[in-house]
Amino acid sequence: MAEGGQSATGALLHHVLSTHAAYPEAKQTAAKQNMTMFELLNKHLESLRVREKSPTLAHLTRYIYRMSRISPF
């Protein structure tokens, strides 16, 4: 059962990615560039990090939690 969490996490990632509206286009782009979907996503995240002058990838999401805590009601 040690790998149960890894398998479940992998299945969740696959589901989230494959059901997203942009998945077919991203999959095609990755294939054209001869890379995996994860390589394409990592490349995109790195370009966002550079564009935003963020020291790390984690800094790109530093405000997500705070914004999600703001209730519209």
PDB file of N, CA and C in Angstrom:
ATOM      1  N   MET A   1       0.819  -1.195   0.000  1.00  0.00           N
ATOM      2  CA  MET A   1       0.000   0.000   0.000  1.00  0.00           C
ATOM      3  C   MET A   1       0.858   1.252   0.000  1.00  0.00           C
ATOM      4  N   ALA A   2       2.168   1.113   0.054  1.00  0.00           N
ATOM      5  CA  ALA A   2       3.053   2.272   0.106  1.00  0.00           C
ATOM      6  C   ALA A   2       2.914   3.158  -1.132  1.00  0.00           C
ATOM      7  N   GLU A   3       2.610   2.565  -2.289  1.00  0.00           N
ATOM      8  CA  GLU A   3       2.491   3.366  -3.499  1.00  0.00           C
ATOM      9  C   GLU A   3       1.061   3.810  -3.770  1.00  0.00           C
ATOM     10  N   GLY A   4       0.140   3.525  -2.892  1.00  0.00           N
ATOM     11  CA  GLY A   4      -1.257   3.886  -3.105  1.00  0.00           C
ATOM     12  C   GLY A   4      -1.462   5.369  -3.299  1.00  0.00           C
ATOM     13  N   GLY A   5      -0.779   6.175  -2.513  1.00  0.00           N
ATOM     14  CA  GLY A   5      -0.907   7.622  -2.630  1.00  0.00           C
ATOM     15  C   GLY A   5      -0.348   8.135  -3.936  1.00  0.00           C
ATOM     16  N   GLN A   6       0.776   7.566  -4.367  1.00  0.00           N
ATOM     17  CA  GLN A   6       1.382   7.990  -5.629  1.00  0.00           C
ATOM     18  C   GLN A   6       0.478   7.642  -6.800  1.00  0.00           C
ATOM     19  N   SER A   7      -0.090   6.454  -6.773  1.00  0.00           N
ATOM     20  CA  SER A   7      -0.986   6.043  -7.854  1.00  0.00           C
ATOM     21  C   SER A   7      -2.235   6.907  -7.889  1.00  0.00           C
ATOM     22  N   ALA A   8      -2.790   7.184  -6.729  1.00  0.00           N
ATOM     23  CA  ALA A   8      -3.989   8.022  -6.657  1.00  0.00           C
ATOM     24  C   ALA A   8      -3.682   9.439  -7.125  1.00  0.00           C
ATOM     25  N   THR A   9      -2.536   9.964  -6.732  1.00  0.00           N
ATOM     26  CA  THR A   9      -2.147  11.303  -7.154  1.00  0.00           C
ATOM     27  C   THR A   9      -1.941  11.353  -8.662  1.00  0.00           C
ATOM     28  N   GLY A  10      -1.315  10.342  -9.210  1.00  0.00           N
ATOM     29  CA  GLY A  10      -1.112  10.265 -10.653  1.00  0.00           C
ATOM     30  C   GLY A  10      -2.425  10.201 -11.398  1.00  0.00           C
ATOM     31  N   ALA A  11      -3.359   9.421 -10.874  1.00  0.00           N
ATOM     32  CA  ALA A  11      -4.677   9.304 -11.503  1.00  0.00           C
ATOM     33  C   ALA A  11      -5.426  10.641 -11.427  1.00  0.00           C
ATOM     34  N   LEU A  12      -5.296  11.334 -10.305  1.00  0.00           N
ATOM     35  CA  LEU A  12      -5.947  12.633 -10.168  1.00  0.00           C
ATOM     36  C   LEU A  12      -5.366  13.640 -11.155  1.00  0.00           C
ATOM     37  N   LEU A  13      -4.042  13.689 -11.261  1.00  0.00           N
ATOM     38  CA  LEU A  13      -3.401  14.592 -12.223  1.00  0.00           C
ATOM     39  C   LEU A  13      -3.848  14.285 -13.645  1.00  0.00           C
ATOM     40  N   HIS A  14      -3.884  13.010 -13.988  1.00  0.00           N
ATOM     41  CA  HIS A  14      -4.327  12.619 -15.325  1.00  0.00           C
ATOM     42  C   HIS A  14      -5.765  13.075 -15.577  1.00  0.00           C
ATOM     43  N   HIS A  15      -6.622  12.880 -14.607  1.00  0.00           N
ATOM     44  CA  HIS A  15      -8.023  13.281 -14.750  1.00  0.00           C
ATOM     45  C   HIS A  15      -8.154  14.798 -14.917  1.00  0.00           C
ATOM     46  N   VAL A  16      -7.480  15.559 -14.056  1.00  0.00           N
ATOM     47  CA  VAL A  16      -7.573  17.021 -14.124  1.00  0.00           C
ATOM     48  C   VAL A  16      -7.059  17.526 -15.465  1.00  0.00           C
ATOM     49  N   LEU A  17      -5.929  16.998 -15.901  1.00  0.00           N
ATOM     50  CA  LEU A  17      -5.363  17.447 -17.173  1.00  0.00           C
ATOM     51  C   LEU A  17      -6.227  17.019 -18.356  1.00  0.00           C
ATOM     52  N   SER A  18      -6.609  15.768 -18.397  1.00  0.00           N
ATOM     53  CA  SER A  18      -7.294  15.247 -19.578  1.00  0.00           C
ATOM     54  C   SER A  18      -8.727  15.741 -19.725  1.00  0.00           C
ATOM     55  N   THR A  19      -9.322  16.277 -18.672  1.00  0.00           N
ATOM     56  CA  THR A  19     -10.680  16.802 -18.784  1.00  0.00           C
ATOM     57  C   THR A  19     -10.704  18.314 -18.985  1.00  0.00           C
ATOM     58  N   HIS A  20      -9.549  18.946 -18.973  1.00  0.00           N
ATOM     59  CA  HIS A  20      -9.480  20.394 -19.182  1.00  0.00           C
ATOM     60  C   HIS A  20      -9.712  20.707 -20.660  1.00  0.00           C
ATOM     61  N   ALA A  21     -10.379  21.805 -20.925  1.00  0.00           N
ATOM     62  CA  ALA A  21     -10.712  22.188 -22.299  1.00  0.00           C
ATOM     63  C   ALA A  21      -9.473  22.379 -23.181  1.00  0.00           C
ATOM     64  N   ALA A  22      -8.346  22.766 -22.592  1.00  0.00           N
ATOM     65  CA  ALA A  22      -7.129  23.021 -23.369  1.00  0.00           C
ATOM     66  C   ALA A  22      -6.294  21.760 -23.593  1.00  0.00           C
ATOM     67  N   TYR A  23      -6.723  20.627 -23.037  1.00  0.00           N
ATOM     68  CA  TYR A  23      -5.920  19.403 -23.128  1.00  0.00           C
ATOM     69  C   TYR A  23      -5.618  18.964 -24.556  1.00  0.00           C
ATOM     70  N   PRO A  24      -6.594  18.886 -25.448  1.00  0.00           N
ATOM     71  CA  PRO A  24      -6.281  18.414 -26.810  1.00  0.00           C
ATOM     72  C   PRO A  24      -5.219  19.283 -27.501  1.00  0.00           C
ATOM     73  N   GLU A  25      -5.345  20.589 -27.361  1.00  0.00           N
ATOM     74  CA  GLU A  25      -4.362  21.486 -27.976  1.00  0.00           C
ATOM     75  C   GLU A  25      -2.988  21.332 -27.328  1.00  0.00           C
ATOM     76  N   ALA A  26      -2.951  21.228 -26.009  1.00  0.00           N
ATOM     77  CA  ALA A  26      -1.679  21.063 -25.308  1.00  0.00           C
ATOM     78  C   ALA A  26      -1.025  19.732 -25.665  1.00  0.00           C
ATOM     79  N   LYS A  27      -1.834  18.694 -25.767  1.00  0.00           N
ATOM     80  CA  LYS A  27      -1.312  17.377 -26.135  1.00  0.00           C
ATOM     81  C   LYS A  27      -0.702  17.419 -27.533  1.00  0.00           C
ATOM     82  N   GLN A  28      -1.380  18.085 -28.455  1.00  0.00           N
ATOM     83  CA  GLN A  28      -0.879  18.217 -29.818  1.00  0.00           C
ATOM     84  C   GLN A  28       0.409  19.051 -29.852  1.00  0.00           C
ATOM     85  N   THR A  29       0.450  20.123 -29.096  1.00  0.00           N
ATOM     86  CA  THR A  29       1.652  20.958 -29.018  1.00  0.00           C
ATOM     87  C   THR A  29       2.830  20.174 -28.462  1.00  0.00           C
ATOM     88  N   ALA A  30       2.585  19.406 -27.405  1.00  0.00           N
ATOM     89  CA  ALA A  30       3.650  18.588 -26.812  1.00  0.00           C
ATOM     90  C   ALA A  30       4.175  17.577 -27.832  1.00  0.00           C
ATOM     91  N   ALA A  31       3.280  16.944 -28.556  1.00  0.00           N
ATOM     92  CA  ALA A  31       3.694  15.956 -29.558  1.00  0.00           C
ATOM     93  C   ALA A  31       4.529  16.608 -30.659  1.00  0.00           C
ATOM     94  N   LYS A  32       4.104  17.791 -31.110  1.00  0.00           N
ATOM     95  CA  LYS A  32       4.855  18.501 -32.150  1.00  0.00           C
ATOM     96  C   LYS A  32       6.254  18.870 -31.685  1.00  0.00           C
ATOM     97  N   GLN A  33       6.396  19.148 -30.390  1.00  0.00           N
ATOM     98  CA  GLN A  33       7.690  19.523 -29.827  1.00  0.00           C
ATOM     99  C   GLN A  33       8.458  18.312 -29.299  1.00  0.00           C
ATOM    100  N   ASN A  34       7.913  17.121 -29.551  1.00  0.00           N
ATOM    101  CA  ASN A  34       8.536  15.868 -29.138  1.00  0.00           C
ATOM    102  C   ASN A  34       8.832  15.839 -27.638  1.00  0.00           C
ATOM    103  N   MET A  35       7.832  16.203 -26.849  1.00  0.00           N
ATOM    104  CA  MET A  35       7.980  16.165 -25.392  1.00  0.00           C
ATOM    105  C   MET A  35       6.697  15.654 -24.765  1.00  0.00           C
ATOM    106  N   THR A  36       6.784  15.300 -23.515  1.00  0.00           N
ATOM    107  CA  THR A  36       5.604  14.841 -22.789  1.00  0.00           C
ATOM    108  C   THR A  36       4.771  16.043 -22.355  1.00  0.00           C
ATOM    109  N   MET A  37       3.546  15.789 -21.970  1.00  0.00           N
ATOM    110  CA  MET A  37       2.678  16.844 -21.458  1.00  0.00           C
ATOM    111  C   MET A  37       3.321  17.517 -20.244  1.00  0.00           C
ATOM    112  N   PHE A  38       3.943  16.721 -19.372  1.00  0.00           N
ATOM    113  CA  PHE A  38       4.555  17.283 -18.172  1.00  0.00           C
ATOM    114  C   PHE A  38       5.756  18.157 -18.521  1.00  0.00           C
ATOM    115  N   GLU A  39       6.518  17.764 -19.520  1.00  0.00           N
ATOM    116  CA  GLU A  39       7.635  18.605 -19.961  1.00  0.00           C
ATOM    117  C   GLU A  39       7.110  19.931 -20.504  1.00  0.00           C
ATOM    118  N   LEU A  40       6.038  19.875 -21.284  1.00  0.00           N
ATOM    119  CA  LEU A  40       5.439  21.090 -21.829  1.00  0.00           C
ATOM    120  C   LEU A  40       4.937  21.999 -20.710  1.00  0.00           C
ATOM    121  N   LEU A  41       4.235  21.435 -19.738  1.00  0.00           N
ATOM    122  CA  LEU A  41       3.721  22.223 -18.620  1.00  0.00           C
ATOM    123  C   LEU A  41       4.848  22.818 -17.786  1.00  0.00           C
ATOM    124  N   ASN A  42       5.892  22.036 -17.538  1.00  0.00           N
ATOM    125  CA  ASN A  42       7.030  22.546 -16.778  1.00  0.00           C
ATOM    126  C   ASN A  42       7.737  23.675 -17.523  1.00  0.00           C
ATOM    127  N   LYS A  43       7.845  23.546 -18.838  1.00  0.00           N
ATOM    128  CA  LYS A  43       8.450  24.600 -19.656  1.00  0.00           C
ATOM    129  C   LYS A  43       7.599  25.876 -19.569  1.00  0.00           C
ATOM    130  N   HIS A  44       6.295  25.704 -19.626  1.00  0.00           N
ATOM    131  CA  HIS A  44       5.391  26.854 -19.527  1.00  0.00           C
ATOM    132  C   HIS A  44       5.502  27.519 -18.152  1.00  0.00           C
ATOM    133  N   LEU A  45       5.524  26.718 -17.092  1.00  0.00           N
ATOM    134  CA  LEU A  45       5.676  27.280 -15.747  1.00  0.00           C
ATOM    135  C   LEU A  45       6.982  28.049 -15.609  1.00  0.00           C
ATOM    136  N   GLU A  46       8.050  27.505 -16.177  1.00  0.00           N
ATOM    137  CA  GLU A  46       9.341  28.197 -16.100  1.00  0.00           C
ATOM    138  C   GLU A  46       9.285  29.527 -16.848  1.00  0.00           C
ATOM    139  N   SER A  47       8.613  29.566 -18.000  1.00  0.00           N
ATOM    140  CA  SER A  47       8.497  30.834 -18.729  1.00  0.00           C
ATOM    141  C   SER A  47       7.666  31.843 -17.929  1.00  0.00           C
ATOM    142  N   LEU A  48       6.624  31.379 -17.231  1.00  0.00           N
ATOM    143  CA  LEU A  48       5.857  32.267 -16.359  1.00  0.00           C
ATOM    144  C   LEU A  48       6.717  32.794 -15.215  1.00  0.00           C
ATOM    145  N   ARG A  49       7.539  31.915 -14.636  1.00  0.00           N
ATOM    146  CA  ARG A  49       8.416  32.323 -13.535  1.00  0.00           C
ATOM    147  C   ARG A  49       9.370  33.424 -13.983  1.00  0.00           C
ATOM    148  N   VAL A  50       9.947  33.243 -15.160  1.00  0.00           N
ATOM    149  CA  VAL A  50      10.884  34.244 -15.689  1.00  0.00           C
ATOM    150  C   VAL A  50      10.156  35.551 -15.989  1.00  0.00           C
ATOM    151  N   ARG A  51       9.014  35.441 -16.660  1.00  0.00           N
ATOM    152  CA  ARG A  51       8.245  36.646 -17.026  1.00  0.00           C
ATOM    153  C   ARG A  51       7.840  37.459 -15.799  1.00  0.00           C
ATOM    154  N   GLU A  52       7.443  36.763 -14.736  1.00  0.00           N
ATOM    155  CA  GLU A  52       7.006  37.433 -13.510  1.00  0.00           C
ATOM    156  C   GLU A  52       8.158  37.781 -12.576  1.00  0.00           C
ATOM    157  N   LYS A  53       9.381  37.450 -12.993  1.00  0.00           N
ATOM    158  CA  LYS A  53      10.584  37.711 -12.176  1.00  0.00           C
ATOM    159  C   LYS A  53      10.453  37.086 -10.785  1.00  0.00           C
ATOM    160  N   SER A  54       9.901  35.893 -10.762  1.00  0.00           N
ATOM    161  CA  SER A  54       9.692  35.163  -9.523  1.00  0.00           C
ATOM    162  C   SER A  54      10.940  34.342  -9.194  1.00  0.00           C
ATOM    163  N   PRO A  55      11.401  34.356  -7.952  1.00  0.00           N
ATOM    164  CA  PRO A  55      12.606  33.594  -7.614  1.00  0.00           C
ATOM    165  C   PRO A  55      12.410  32.074  -7.686  1.00  0.00           C
ATOM    166  N   THR A  56      11.182  31.626  -7.454  1.00  0.00           N
ATOM    167  CA  THR A  56      10.885  30.188  -7.512  1.00  0.00           C
ATOM    168  C   THR A  56       9.493  29.984  -8.099  1.00  0.00           C
ATOM    169  N   LEU A  57       9.211  28.757  -8.499  1.00  0.00           N
ATOM    170  CA  LEU A  57       7.865  28.436  -8.981  1.00  0.00           C
ATOM    171  C   LEU A  57       6.830  28.604  -7.874  1.00  0.00           C
ATOM    172  N   ALA A  58       7.200  28.284  -6.657  1.00  0.00           N
ATOM    173  CA  ALA A  58       6.266  28.403  -5.535  1.00  0.00           C
ATOM    174  C   ALA A  58       5.786  29.839  -5.365  1.00  0.00           C
ATOM    175  N   HIS A  59       6.634  30.805  -5.676  1.00  0.00           N
ATOM    176  CA  HIS A  59       6.222  32.206  -5.553  1.00  0.00           C
ATOM    177  C   HIS A  59       5.106  32.581  -6.524  1.00  0.00           C
ATOM    178  N   LEU A  60       4.961  31.839  -7.618  1.00  0.00           N
ATOM    179  CA  LEU A  60       3.882  32.130  -8.561  1.00  0.00           C
ATOM    180  C   LEU A  60       2.515  31.936  -7.920  1.00  0.00           C
ATOM    181  N   THR A  61       2.431  31.086  -6.919  1.00  0.00           N
ATOM    182  CA  THR A  61       1.150  30.764  -6.291  1.00  0.00           C
ATOM    183  C   THR A  61       1.018  31.346  -4.893  1.00  0.00           C
ATOM    184  N   ARG A  62       1.877  32.262  -4.530  1.00  0.00           N
ATOM    185  CA  ARG A  62       1.897  32.735  -3.140  1.00  0.00           C
ATOM    186  C   ARG A  62       0.613  33.423  -2.686  1.00  0.00           C
ATOM    187  N   TYR A  63      -0.186  33.938  -3.603  1.00  0.00           N
ATOM    188  CA  TYR A  63      -1.406  34.625  -3.204  1.00  0.00           C
ATOM    189  C   TYR A  63      -2.671  33.807  -3.436  1.00  0.00           C
ATOM    190  N   ILE A  64      -2.572  32.628  -3.986  1.00  0.00           N
ATOM    191  CA  ILE A  64      -3.766  31.838  -4.289  1.00  0.00           C
ATOM    192  C   ILE A  64      -4.553  31.504  -3.028  1.00  0.00           C
ATOM    193  N   TYR A  65      -3.887  31.052  -1.988  1.00  0.00           N
ATOM    194  CA  TYR A  65      -4.595  30.684  -0.761  1.00  0.00           C
ATOM    195  C   TYR A  65      -5.300  31.895  -0.171  1.00  0.00           C
ATOM    196  N   ARG A  66      -4.614  33.000  -0.114  1.00  0.00           N
ATOM    197  CA  ARG A  66      -5.189  34.204   0.475  1.00  0.00           C
ATOM    198  C   ARG A  66      -6.433  34.640  -0.318  1.00  0.00           C
ATOM    199  N   MET A  67      -6.361  34.590  -1.644  1.00  0.00           N
ATOM    200  CA  MET A  67      -7.490  35.000  -2.463  1.00  0.00           C
ATOM    201  C   MET A  67      -8.657  34.024  -2.324  1.00  0.00           C
ATOM    202  N   SER A  68      -8.371  32.748  -2.154  1.00  0.00           N
ATOM    203  CA  SER A  68      -9.444  31.770  -2.042  1.00  0.00           C
ATOM    204  C   SER A  68     -10.160  31.887  -0.697  1.00  0.00           C
ATOM    205  N   ARG A  69      -9.551  32.551   0.263  1.00  0.00           N
ATOM    206  CA  ARG A  69     -10.158  32.709   1.584  1.00  0.00           C
ATOM    207  C   ARG A  69     -11.112  33.896   1.613  1.00  0.00           C
ATOM    208  N   ILE A  70     -11.112  34.707   0.573  1.00  0.00           N
ATOM    209  CA  ILE A  70     -12.014  35.857   0.521  1.00  0.00           C
ATOM    210  C   ILE A  70     -13.371  35.384   0.024  1.00  0.00           C
ATOM    211  N   SER A  71     -14.353  35.487   0.874  1.00  0.00           N
ATOM    212  CA  SER A  71     -15.697  35.022   0.520  1.00  0.00           C
ATOM    213  C   SER A  71     -16.461  36.126  -0.202  1.00  0.00           C
ATOM    214  N   PRO A  72     -17.155  35.787  -1.285  1.00  0.00           N
ATOM    215  CA  PRO A  72     -17.960  36.797  -1.963  1.00  0.00           C
ATOM    216  C   PRO A  72     -19.252  37.113  -1.221  1.00  0.00           C
ATOM    217  N   PHE A  73     -19.531  36.398  -0.126  1.00  0.00           N
ATOM    218  CA  PHE A  73     -20.803  36.587   0.596  1.00  0.00           C
ATOM    219  C   PHE A  73     -20.607  37.301   1.903  1.00  0.00           C
TER     220      PHE A  73
END
